[in-house]
Amino acid sequence: DPLPPPLPKKQLQRAESLPEQGPSRHWQGDPTPWAASSLSSIPPPHPPHEEGAPSSIPPRDRPSWGPKRPLTKSQSLGEPVARSSPSPSPAEVTFGMADGELGWLLESPAGVCGVVLGCQVATLARLSARIQEKLLGSEEQQRLLEAELAGKGWAAFSILEREPCCQSGDAWYFPVGFTFEQSQLVFAAKVPKPCCASLGVQSSLGAHCSIQRLISRFTDRLPWELVFPESTEEQSQSPSGEEPAHLPTCPVLQVFISPEVPYQTLAGFVKGTHGLHRTSPGHYERLACLLLLQVCMGLEHLQVQNMGQGDLCPENLLLVQCPCLPQSQQGKEASLGLSLPRLLISSFFKVKDKQRPCSTSQEQDWTKGLAAPPTPVADELNVGMLIYQILHVDISLENTLGFRSNRLPEIPSLSIYSTGLKRLAMLLLHTDPCKRVSIEQARSILQVLLWGPRQELFARSKKSLTLLRNWVEVKRALLLLKFAENSAGVAGSPGLEEWLCCQYFKEVTEHTLYQVTQALYA
């Protein structure tokens, strides 16, 4: 056999000193890149310069978690062999991890920075999942309840109140009791009003905090003791202009069981908060942003499921009390009656061919006057109108679309949220459908209004991706510190607002913030 060639040591040193095509962001042994998941969308430890600047990283500063190259003969003789076990992912790193494993993550400052940022996102994801389970209950328990309720009718439930606890635009809700595993559970029996569409499509939706869940349905004779009012104080007439619903003439109706018991509709809430809006505008308009955020998140979930809302009006948006008072709403807000409820979208239809029917007669008239029907925009229009309705400003879709006026009604500047809500309403209600923001963009704008970054951040420094990336990383760290401090104190357990905040900071990126702040602060 010929002798092996000499070791090209100088050539290896020269090759290693040259910049590579670009540093990979893979963890060792993990084929998933950082940017492939919203739970690990962490910027590189050494962020690249802005446009026009060189993007290569000096060899000594390159992250050490790039993909391992196969060993050559020269590497096996003159270089240390790479370890065989993969590095742990951020979700696997804990305080109790053995120092032997943790040591692999401490080889370079870049590795330390990356693992800390990854751990923060993973921790926010775990906190979000725990709070969500507290708000919605576990999926396993829901499956057990669905199996237990299958085939049961009115006889299996105890009627807790003869009159409905809530009346929406399309249904009455009665609180009923059910014994399950030696516990008394309270559900809502949803009795649809006559001429309302079937609600069976709801059962095919996945669980979501802003979507009404149905865990059982049956057709049975209505109990004689139930009282059906002919009208309510908060809705003397249906949104479509029809007469108020009356006592059903048919004694046998389809009934749906929901684990969430509503106490009010959004229409009733808006009607009863005129005084609170005047005396505490900052607290009230922040609450308005949180309610609108829940609407947008629910609509996004429906779009993914190829579902649409039946009538996104205040009369069909339900409010449900959270299991406990969140720590963020103790004190002044609770004393003012401004505790944040869960908002549920309760009216649905199946989308066909990505086209939805017009929800109002004014919109139908408007679409008839166009040469071709536009992309479905009812969600954007309805959310824009909800902003005005929640802020107690009269508006109609006819005026919005320019039949009588080219200007939207004025929203008074009462708090730090007023200008942003006015800007969002304008973007949602633009007369040109192509210039309207989407529901996803509206959700991002509401998140920025609630948790920043605010415009004063850009008064000291020019807006850039680096500035926004640093802001996100600092705010994530401060949010986790806040959770840690509250858990060691006397504050209540995290609730709905904390869950919404976690959802924001575990997913947001500097690129999203750049686009949103451009639209919001233009």
Protein backbone atom coordinates (compact mmCIF):
# COMPACT_ATOMS: atom_id res chain seq x y z
CA ASP A 1 0.00 0.00 0.00
CA PRO A 2 1.26 3.55 -0.71
CA LEU A 3 2.21 5.67 2.26
CA PRO A 4 -0.45 8.13 3.48
CA PRO A 5 0.08 11.75 2.44
CA PRO A 6 1.58 14.14 4.97
CA LEU A 7 -0.77 16.15 7.16
CA PRO A 8 -1.59 19.52 5.52
CA LYS A 9 -1.57 21.46 8.76
CA LYS A 10 -0.95 24.88 7.25
CA GLN A 11 -3.65 24.38 4.67
CA LEU A 12 -6.14 23.40 7.37
CA GLN A 13 -5.37 26.53 9.38
CA ARG A 14 -5.74 28.68 6.28
CA ALA A 15 -9.07 27.05 5.38
CA GLU A 16 -10.45 27.51 8.89
CA SER A 17 -9.55 31.17 8.87
CA LEU A 18 -11.67 31.89 5.81
CA PRO A 19 -15.25 33.07 6.33
CA GLU A 20 -17.90 30.49 5.57
CA GLN A 21 -21.03 30.98 3.45
CA GLY A 22 -23.01 31.81 6.56
CA PRO A 23 -23.19 30.44 10.10
CA SER A 24 -25.91 27.91 10.64
CA ARG A 25 -28.30 28.37 13.54
CA HIS A 26 -28.90 24.64 14.10
CA TRP A 27 -28.31 23.07 17.45
CA GLN A 28 -25.94 20.11 17.41
CA GLY A 29 -27.95 17.00 16.71
CA ASP A 30 -31.16 19.00 16.22
CA PRO A 31 -32.15 19.35 12.55
CA THR A 32 -34.66 22.09 13.34
CA PRO A 33 -33.40 25.67 12.82
CA TRP A 34 -34.15 28.39 15.31
CA ALA A 35 -36.40 30.23 12.87
CA ALA A 36 -38.50 27.16 12.07
CA SER A 37 -40.72 27.50 15.13
CA SER A 38 -42.48 30.42 16.77
CA LEU A 39 -41.32 29.04 20.12
CA SER A 40 -37.68 29.42 19.17
CA SER A 41 -37.56 32.39 16.80
CA ILE A 42 -34.46 33.82 18.45
CA PRO A 43 -32.17 36.21 16.57
CA PRO A 44 -28.53 35.16 16.20
CA PRO A 45 -26.35 35.94 19.22
CA HIS A 46 -24.35 38.40 17.08
CA PRO A 47 -27.02 40.28 15.09
CA PRO A 48 -26.01 41.25 11.58
CA HIS A 49 -25.51 44.90 10.71
CA GLU A 50 -28.15 46.93 8.98
CA GLU A 51 -28.49 46.92 5.22
CA GLY A 52 -25.28 47.76 3.40
CA ALA A 53 -22.98 46.50 6.15
CA PRO A 54 -20.94 43.30 5.82
CA SER A 55 -22.73 40.29 7.25
CA SER A 56 -19.84 37.90 7.77
CA ILE A 57 -18.84 37.09 11.35
CA PRO A 58 -15.19 36.80 12.39
CA PRO A 59 -14.16 33.17 12.94
CA ARG A 60 -13.48 33.59 16.63
CA ASP A 61 -17.02 34.93 17.21
CA ARG A 62 -18.93 32.32 15.21
CA PRO A 63 -21.52 30.27 17.15
CA SER A 64 -20.25 26.82 17.98
CA TRP A 65 -23.54 24.97 17.33
CA GLY A 66 -23.18 24.64 13.55
CA PRO A 67 -23.67 21.27 11.85
CA LYS A 68 -20.87 18.77 12.43
CA ARG A 69 -18.80 17.92 9.35
CA PRO A 70 -17.67 14.33 8.80
CA LEU A 71 -14.23 13.55 10.19
CA THR A 72 -11.36 13.17 7.73
CA LYS A 73 -8.13 11.26 8.31
CA SER A 74 -6.29 14.46 9.15
CA GLN A 75 -9.01 15.50 11.61
CA SER A 76 -8.94 12.12 13.33
CA LEU A 77 -5.20 12.39 13.84
CA GLY A 78 -4.67 16.04 14.69
CA GLU A 79 -8.02 17.47 15.96
CA PRO A 80 -10.20 16.67 18.98
CA VAL A 81 -13.12 14.39 18.21
CA ALA A 82 -16.57 16.02 18.44
CA ARG A 83 -18.81 14.66 21.15
CA SER A 84 -21.39 12.12 20.04
CA SER A 85 -24.37 13.17 22.16
CA PRO A 86 -26.46 16.12 20.89
CA SER A 87 -26.71 19.40 22.75
CA PRO A 88 -29.97 19.90 24.68
CA SER A 89 -32.61 22.13 23.15
CA PRO A 90 -33.72 25.27 25.04
CA ALA A 91 -36.90 23.52 26.18
CA GLU A 92 -34.75 20.81 27.85
CA VAL A 93 -32.47 23.15 29.78
CA THR A 94 -33.49 23.43 33.44
CA PHE A 95 -31.96 24.65 36.69
CA GLY A 96 -31.43 21.06 37.79
CA MET A 97 -29.52 20.01 34.67
CA ALA A 98 -26.23 18.23 35.38
CA ASP A 99 -23.15 20.42 35.06
CA GLY A 100 -21.63 17.93 32.66
CA GLU A 101 -24.39 18.56 30.13
CA LEU A 102 -24.60 22.26 30.90
CA GLY A 103 -20.89 22.63 30.27
CA TRP A 104 -21.32 22.00 26.57
CA LEU A 105 -23.47 25.14 26.40
CA LEU A 106 -20.87 27.29 28.13
CA GLU A 107 -18.07 26.87 25.62
CA SER A 108 -18.47 30.34 24.13
CA PRO A 109 -20.29 33.59 25.01
CA ALA A 110 -22.37 33.17 21.86
CA GLY A 111 -23.58 29.80 23.10
CA VAL A 112 -24.53 31.20 26.49
CA CYS A 113 -26.47 34.06 24.91
CA GLY A 114 -28.31 31.74 22.57
CA VAL A 115 -29.30 29.25 25.23
CA VAL A 116 -30.53 31.97 27.61
CA LEU A 117 -32.72 33.53 24.93
CA GLY A 118 -34.01 30.13 23.91
CA CYS A 119 -34.84 29.22 27.50
CA GLN A 120 -36.83 32.43 27.89
CA VAL A 121 -39.04 31.65 24.91
CA ALA A 122 -39.49 28.03 26.00
CA THR A 123 -40.44 29.16 29.51
CA LEU A 124 -43.02 31.61 28.18
CA ALA A 125 -44.51 28.81 26.09
CA ARG A 126 -44.81 26.56 29.15
CA LEU A 127 -46.36 29.34 31.25
CA SER A 128 -48.82 30.11 28.47
CA ALA A 129 -49.87 26.47 28.22
CA ARG A 130 -50.42 26.22 31.99
CA ILE A 131 -52.52 29.39 32.15
CA GLN A 132 -54.55 28.26 29.14
CA GLU A 133 -55.30 24.92 30.80
CA LYS A 134 -56.46 26.80 33.88
CA LEU A 135 -58.76 28.98 31.79
CA LEU A 136 -60.16 26.25 29.53
CA GLY A 137 -59.64 23.07 31.53
CA SER A 138 -57.65 20.10 30.36
CA GLU A 139 -58.39 18.45 27.02
CA GLU A 140 -58.57 15.06 28.71
CA GLN A 141 -61.33 16.24 31.05
CA GLN A 142 -63.28 17.67 28.13
CA ARG A 143 -63.11 14.34 26.28
CA LEU A 144 -64.33 12.53 29.38
CA LEU A 145 -67.21 14.98 29.73
CA GLU A 146 -68.20 14.59 26.10
CA ALA A 147 -68.27 10.82 26.50
CA GLU A 148 -70.27 11.07 29.73
CA LEU A 149 -72.85 13.46 28.21
CA ALA A 150 -73.37 11.46 25.03
CA GLY A 151 -77.01 10.42 24.65
CA LYS A 152 -78.22 12.37 27.67
CA GLY A 153 -81.12 14.84 27.67
CA TRP A 154 -82.75 17.31 30.04
CA ALA A 155 -83.29 14.60 32.66
CA ALA A 156 -79.53 14.41 33.33
CA PHE A 157 -79.31 18.08 34.29
CA SER A 158 -80.65 20.10 37.17
CA ILE A 159 -82.06 23.50 36.23
CA LEU A 160 -80.34 26.10 38.41
CA GLU A 161 -82.31 29.15 37.21
CA ARG A 162 -85.67 29.28 35.48
CA GLU A 163 -84.88 32.42 33.53
CA PRO A 164 -81.92 32.70 31.14
CA CYS A 165 -78.69 34.06 32.59
CA CYS A 166 -77.93 35.61 29.20
CA GLN A 167 -79.79 36.25 25.96
CA SER A 168 -77.78 36.75 22.80
CA GLY A 169 -79.00 37.62 19.34
CA ASP A 170 -79.48 33.98 18.39
CA ALA A 171 -79.99 31.97 21.60
CA TRP A 172 -81.04 31.81 25.23
CA TYR A 173 -78.64 30.50 27.90
CA PHE A 174 -79.78 28.68 31.05
CA PRO A 175 -77.38 27.61 33.83
CA VAL A 176 -77.71 23.89 34.56
CA GLY A 177 -75.97 21.53 36.96
CA PHE A 178 -74.42 18.17 36.20
CA THR A 179 -72.79 15.67 38.58
CA PHE A 180 -69.51 14.29 37.31
CA GLU A 181 -67.04 12.26 39.39
CA GLN A 182 -68.71 13.35 42.64
CA SER A 183 -68.42 17.02 41.66
CA GLN A 184 -71.22 19.41 40.77
CA LEU A 185 -70.38 21.17 37.51
CA VAL A 186 -72.23 24.17 36.10
CA PHE A 187 -72.84 24.32 32.36
CA ALA A 188 -74.82 26.56 30.04
CA ALA A 189 -77.75 25.07 28.11
CA LYS A 190 -77.89 26.95 24.82
CA VAL A 191 -81.38 27.03 23.30
CA PRO A 192 -81.30 28.49 19.77
CA LYS A 193 -83.97 30.99 18.83
CA PRO A 194 -86.38 30.12 16.03
CA CYS A 195 -85.10 30.60 12.47
CA CYS A 196 -81.46 30.59 13.61
CA ALA A 197 -78.98 28.49 11.65
CA SER A 198 -77.76 25.17 12.95
CA LEU A 199 -74.86 25.39 15.35
CA GLY A 200 -73.47 21.91 14.76
CA VAL A 201 -70.35 23.24 13.03
CA GLN A 202 -69.04 24.45 16.39
CA SER A 203 -68.33 20.93 17.54
CA SER A 204 -65.70 20.51 14.81
CA LEU A 205 -63.59 23.44 16.01
CA GLY A 206 -60.52 22.99 18.16
CA ALA A 207 -60.42 24.49 21.63
CA HIS A 208 -59.65 28.21 21.68
CA CYS A 209 -59.96 30.79 24.43
CA SER A 210 -62.16 33.09 22.29
CA ILE A 211 -64.43 30.46 20.72
CA GLN A 212 -67.51 29.04 22.41
CA ARG A 213 -67.18 25.30 23.00
CA LEU A 214 -70.03 22.81 22.72
CA ILE A 215 -69.54 19.50 24.50
CA SER A 216 -72.98 17.96 23.95
CA ARG A 217 -76.19 18.36 22.01
CA PHE A 218 -79.58 16.70 22.11
CA THR A 219 -83.15 17.17 20.92
CA ASP A 220 -85.69 16.97 23.70
CA ARG A 221 -88.92 18.44 24.99
CA LEU A 222 -88.28 21.69 26.83
CA PRO A 223 -88.88 21.57 30.61
CA TRP A 224 -92.06 23.38 31.57
CA GLU A 225 -90.34 25.49 34.23
CA LEU A 226 -88.08 27.36 31.78
CA VAL A 227 -89.12 30.96 31.17
CA PHE A 228 -88.37 32.50 27.79
CA PRO A 229 -88.56 36.30 27.83
CA GLU A 230 -89.88 37.95 24.70
CA SER A 231 -87.18 40.63 24.71
CA THR A 232 -84.26 41.91 26.73
CA GLU A 233 -83.26 45.32 27.96
CA GLU A 234 -80.03 45.22 26.01
CA GLN A 235 -81.65 44.19 22.71
CA SER A 236 -85.14 45.34 21.85
CA GLN A 237 -84.68 44.41 18.21
CA SER A 238 -82.48 41.95 16.36
CA PRO A 239 -79.47 43.30 14.38
CA SER A 240 -81.07 42.49 11.04
CA GLY A 241 -84.16 44.57 11.82
CA GLU A 242 -86.50 41.64 12.51
CA GLU A 243 -88.97 41.48 15.36
CA PRO A 244 -87.72 40.39 18.78
CA ALA A 245 -87.66 36.64 19.42
CA HIS A 246 -90.72 35.22 21.17
CA LEU A 247 -91.45 32.17 23.23
CA PRO A 248 -90.84 29.12 21.03
CA THR A 249 -94.06 27.50 19.91
CA CYS A 250 -92.50 24.07 19.35
CA PRO A 251 -91.98 22.22 22.65
CA VAL A 252 -89.20 20.06 21.20
CA LEU A 253 -85.97 21.88 20.36
CA GLN A 254 -82.32 21.12 19.80
CA VAL A 255 -80.22 22.08 22.81
CA PHE A 256 -76.46 22.53 23.11
CA ILE A 257 -74.37 22.24 26.27
CA SER A 258 -71.40 24.55 26.76
CA PRO A 259 -68.91 24.53 29.65
CA GLU A 260 -68.77 28.35 29.62
CA VAL A 261 -71.68 30.12 31.30
CA PRO A 262 -72.09 33.67 29.92
CA TYR A 263 -73.36 36.40 32.18
CA GLN A 264 -73.71 39.18 29.61
CA THR A 265 -73.28 40.08 25.97
CA LEU A 266 -70.88 42.72 24.73
CA ALA A 267 -73.89 44.86 23.84
CA GLY A 268 -75.05 44.87 27.47
CA PHE A 269 -71.53 45.61 28.66
CA VAL A 270 -71.18 48.62 26.35
CA LYS A 271 -74.57 49.96 27.37
CA GLY A 272 -73.71 49.82 31.06
CA THR A 273 -70.24 51.40 30.93
CA HIS A 274 -70.87 54.95 29.69
CA GLY A 275 -70.14 56.34 33.15
CA LEU A 276 -67.00 54.27 33.65
CA HIS A 277 -65.67 55.42 30.28
CA ARG A 278 -66.04 59.05 31.33
CA THR A 279 -64.59 58.70 34.84
CA SER A 280 -61.77 56.20 34.10
CA PRO A 281 -60.99 56.46 30.38
CA GLY A 282 -57.51 54.95 30.62
CA HIS A 283 -58.64 51.78 32.39
CA TYR A 284 -61.74 51.42 30.24
CA GLU A 285 -59.98 51.86 26.89
CA ARG A 286 -57.27 49.42 27.89
CA LEU A 287 -60.04 46.94 28.65
CA ALA A 288 -61.51 47.74 25.22
CA CYS A 289 -58.16 46.85 23.60
CA LEU A 290 -58.09 43.52 25.47
CA LEU A 291 -61.63 42.67 24.39
CA LEU A 292 -60.90 43.56 20.76
CA LEU A 293 -57.71 41.49 20.91
CA GLN A 294 -59.74 38.45 21.93
CA VAL A 295 -62.10 39.04 19.00
CA CYS A 296 -59.20 39.16 16.54
CA MET A 297 -57.56 36.04 17.97
CA GLY A 298 -60.84 34.16 17.70
CA LEU A 299 -61.35 35.29 14.09
CA GLU A 300 -57.83 34.16 13.20
CA HIS A 301 -58.63 30.72 14.61
CA LEU A 302 -61.82 30.55 12.56
CA GLN A 303 -59.97 31.49 9.37
CA VAL A 304 -57.52 28.64 9.91
CA GLN A 305 -60.48 26.25 10.36
CA ASN A 306 -62.16 27.61 7.20
CA MET A 307 -65.01 28.88 9.33
CA GLY A 308 -66.66 32.28 9.45
CA GLN A 309 -68.60 34.21 12.04
CA GLY A 310 -72.35 34.27 11.59
CA ASP A 311 -72.97 37.81 12.78
CA LEU A 312 -70.09 39.57 14.49
CA CYS A 313 -72.23 42.06 16.37
CA PRO A 314 -72.12 42.97 20.07
CA GLU A 315 -75.33 41.00 20.67
CA ASN A 316 -73.65 37.73 19.66
CA LEU A 317 -70.36 38.21 21.54
CA LEU A 318 -70.58 36.60 24.97
CA LEU A 319 -68.74 37.57 28.15
CA VAL A 320 -67.70 34.89 30.66
CA GLN A 321 -66.15 35.41 34.07
CA CYS A 322 -62.62 34.04 34.46
CA PRO A 323 -62.05 31.32 37.11
CA CYS A 324 -60.22 33.73 39.42
CA LEU A 325 -59.33 37.39 39.57
CA PRO A 326 -55.99 37.84 37.76
CA GLN A 327 -53.17 39.59 39.56
CA SER A 328 -53.06 42.27 36.85
CA GLN A 329 -56.62 43.40 37.67
CA GLN A 330 -56.53 43.58 41.44
CA GLY A 331 -56.81 46.92 43.14
CA LYS A 332 -58.21 49.91 41.30
CA GLU A 333 -59.53 48.13 38.20
CA ALA A 334 -61.38 45.55 40.27
CA SER A 335 -62.91 48.25 42.47
CA LEU A 336 -64.15 50.03 39.34
CA GLY A 337 -65.77 46.89 38.00
CA LEU A 338 -63.31 46.67 35.11
CA SER A 339 -62.16 43.09 35.58
CA LEU A 340 -61.34 41.47 32.25
CA PRO A 341 -63.82 38.79 31.14
CA ARG A 342 -63.31 36.17 28.46
CA LEU A 343 -64.99 37.10 25.20
CA LEU A 344 -66.52 34.29 23.16
CA ILE A 345 -67.58 34.26 19.52
CA SER A 346 -70.74 32.15 19.50
CA SER A 347 -72.21 32.34 15.99
CA PHE A 348 -70.66 30.44 13.06
CA PHE A 349 -71.22 29.20 9.55
CA LYS A 350 -69.25 27.00 7.17
CA VAL A 351 -67.25 28.93 4.60
CA LYS A 352 -67.72 27.73 1.01
CA ASP A 353 -65.31 28.69 -1.74
CA LYS A 354 -63.62 31.19 0.60
CA GLN A 355 -66.68 33.46 0.23
CA ARG A 356 -69.03 34.46 3.01
CA PRO A 357 -72.52 36.00 2.93
CA CYS A 358 -72.99 39.65 3.78
CA SER A 359 -73.85 40.02 7.45
CA THR A 360 -75.80 43.29 7.08
CA SER A 361 -78.17 44.75 4.56
CA GLN A 362 -75.96 47.83 4.12
CA GLU A 363 -72.95 45.74 3.18
CA GLN A 364 -75.11 43.74 0.76
CA ASP A 365 -76.23 46.95 -0.94
CA TRP A 366 -72.65 48.10 -1.15
CA THR A 367 -71.37 44.87 -2.70
CA LYS A 368 -74.18 44.91 -5.27
CA GLY A 369 -72.91 48.24 -6.56
CA LEU A 370 -69.47 46.85 -7.38
CA ALA A 371 -68.48 45.37 -10.71
CA ALA A 372 -67.03 42.30 -9.03
CA PRO A 373 -67.30 41.11 -5.41
CA PRO A 374 -64.12 41.89 -3.46
CA THR A 375 -62.19 39.53 -1.25
CA PRO A 376 -64.28 38.78 1.88
CA VAL A 377 -63.87 41.80 4.12
CA ALA A 378 -66.74 41.51 6.57
CA ASP A 379 -64.47 40.58 9.47
CA GLU A 380 -62.35 43.69 8.99
CA LEU A 381 -65.39 45.95 8.63
CA ASN A 382 -67.14 44.48 11.64
CA VAL A 383 -64.08 44.74 13.90
CA GLY A 384 -63.64 48.35 12.81
CA MET A 385 -67.24 49.07 13.74
CA LEU A 386 -66.78 47.28 17.06
CA ILE A 387 -64.07 49.78 17.96
CA TYR A 388 -66.55 52.63 17.63
CA GLN A 389 -69.32 50.76 19.43
CA ILE A 390 -67.12 49.84 22.41
CA LEU A 391 -65.90 53.46 22.61
CA HIS A 392 -69.53 54.67 22.66
CA VAL A 393 -69.36 56.44 19.30
CA ASP A 394 -72.35 56.04 17.00
CA ILE A 395 -71.53 54.58 13.58
CA SER A 396 -73.30 52.75 10.78
CA LEU A 397 -71.85 50.69 7.97
CA GLU A 398 -73.67 52.88 5.46
CA ASN A 399 -71.79 55.98 6.62
CA THR A 400 -68.56 54.02 6.92
CA LEU A 401 -68.56 52.95 3.27
CA GLY A 402 -69.08 56.48 2.05
CA PHE A 403 -72.78 56.60 1.20
CA ARG A 404 -73.35 59.77 3.17
CA SER A 405 -69.93 60.95 4.26
CA ASN A 406 -66.28 60.46 3.30
CA ARG A 407 -65.06 60.93 6.87
CA LEU A 408 -65.30 58.55 9.81
CA PRO A 409 -66.82 59.76 13.08
CA GLU A 410 -64.37 61.40 15.45
CA ILE A 411 -63.06 59.36 18.38
CA PRO A 412 -62.33 61.63 21.39
CA SER A 413 -58.76 61.54 22.72
CA LEU A 414 -59.38 60.46 26.31
CA SER A 415 -56.37 58.21 27.03
CA ILE A 416 -53.08 56.95 25.61
CA TYR A 417 -55.06 54.30 23.72
CA SER A 418 -57.46 56.65 21.93
CA THR A 419 -55.15 57.68 19.09
CA GLY A 420 -54.08 54.11 18.37
CA LEU A 421 -57.67 52.83 18.36
CA LYS A 422 -58.67 55.64 16.03
CA ARG A 423 -55.81 54.75 13.69
CA LEU A 424 -56.74 51.06 13.75
CA ALA A 425 -60.39 51.82 13.01
CA MET A 426 -59.35 53.92 10.03
CA LEU A 427 -57.16 51.10 8.68
CA LEU A 428 -59.95 48.53 9.10
CA LEU A 429 -62.72 50.69 7.62
CA HIS A 430 -60.88 52.02 4.59
CA THR A 431 -63.25 52.36 1.63
CA ASP A 432 -60.69 50.62 -0.60
CA PRO A 433 -60.65 46.90 0.39
CA CYS A 434 -57.06 46.57 -0.86
CA LYS A 435 -55.88 49.15 1.68
CA ARG A 436 -57.52 47.57 4.72
CA VAL A 437 -55.36 45.78 7.24
CA SER A 438 -56.07 42.10 7.85
CA ILE A 439 -57.36 40.61 11.10
CA GLU A 440 -53.86 39.29 11.80
CA GLN A 441 -52.39 42.78 11.37
CA ALA A 442 -55.15 44.26 13.55
CA ARG A 443 -54.28 41.76 16.28
CA SER A 444 -50.60 42.79 16.12
CA ILE A 445 -51.53 46.48 16.31
CA LEU A 446 -53.65 45.88 19.43
CA GLN A 447 -50.76 43.98 21.04
CA VAL A 448 -48.41 46.90 20.40
CA LEU A 449 -50.98 49.31 21.84
CA LEU A 450 -51.18 47.21 25.00
CA TRP A 451 -47.57 46.18 25.63
CA GLY A 452 -45.41 48.32 23.36
CA PRO A 453 -43.12 49.38 21.93
CA ARG A 454 -44.57 52.85 22.28
CA GLN A 455 -43.63 55.75 20.10
CA GLU A 456 -41.33 57.35 22.69
CA LEU A 457 -38.89 54.45 22.22
CA PHE A 458 -38.00 55.93 18.82
CA ALA A 459 -37.57 59.49 20.14
CA ARG A 460 -34.06 58.70 21.43
CA SER A 461 -32.91 56.17 18.83
CA LYS A 462 -33.75 55.67 15.19
CA LYS A 463 -36.03 52.73 14.62
CA SER A 464 -34.09 49.69 13.42
CA LEU A 465 -34.31 45.93 13.55
CA THR A 466 -31.47 45.86 16.09
CA LEU A 467 -33.29 48.26 18.40
CA LEU A 468 -36.52 46.28 18.18
CA ARG A 469 -34.71 42.96 18.69
CA ASN A 470 -33.03 44.29 21.83
CA TRP A 471 -36.38 45.64 23.07
CA VAL A 472 -38.04 42.23 22.66
CA GLU A 473 -35.21 40.41 24.46
CA VAL A 474 -35.23 42.83 27.41
CA LYS A 475 -39.02 42.80 27.73
CA ARG A 476 -39.08 38.98 27.67
CA ALA A 477 -36.57 38.88 30.51
CA LEU A 478 -38.48 41.50 32.52
CA LEU A 479 -41.76 39.64 32.01
CA LEU A 480 -40.28 36.43 33.39
CA LEU A 481 -38.86 38.35 36.35
CA LYS A 482 -42.31 39.79 36.98
CA PHE A 483 -43.80 36.29 37.04
CA ALA A 484 -41.09 35.14 39.46
CA GLU A 485 -41.61 38.09 41.80
CA ASN A 486 -45.39 37.68 41.81
CA SER A 487 -45.14 33.96 42.52
CA ALA A 488 -43.06 34.70 45.63
CA GLY A 489 -45.42 37.40 46.87
CA VAL A 490 -49.08 37.67 47.74
CA ALA A 491 -50.33 38.47 44.24
CA GLY A 492 -52.98 36.26 42.73
CA SER A 493 -52.29 33.61 40.16
CA PRO A 494 -51.83 34.68 36.52
CA GLY A 495 -55.03 35.00 34.53
CA LEU A 496 -56.38 35.95 31.13
CA GLU A 497 -54.40 39.17 30.63
CA GLU A 498 -51.15 37.42 31.59
CA TRP A 499 -51.97 34.67 29.07
CA LEU A 500 -52.55 37.23 26.33
CA CYS A 501 -49.25 38.93 27.21
CA CYS A 502 -47.38 35.60 27.08
CA GLN A 503 -48.89 34.88 23.67
CA TYR A 504 -47.48 38.16 22.42
CA PHE A 505 -43.92 37.90 23.72
CA LYS A 506 -43.38 34.25 22.88
CA GLU A 507 -44.20 34.84 19.21
CA VAL A 508 -43.32 38.43 18.31
CA THR A 509 -40.25 39.20 16.21
CA GLU A 510 -38.43 42.41 15.39
CA HIS A 511 -39.56 42.15 11.77
CA THR A 512 -43.23 42.06 12.79
CA LEU A 513 -42.74 45.00 15.12
CA TYR A 514 -41.07 47.03 12.40
CA GLN A 515 -44.05 46.61 10.08
CA VAL A 516 -46.67 47.16 12.78
CA THR A 517 -45.08 50.31 14.17
CA GLN A 518 -44.77 51.66 10.63
CA ALA A 519 -48.54 51.29 10.17
CA LEU A 520 -49.52 52.42 13.67
CA TYR A 521 -47.23 55.42 14.10
CA ALA A 522 -47.28 56.66 10.51
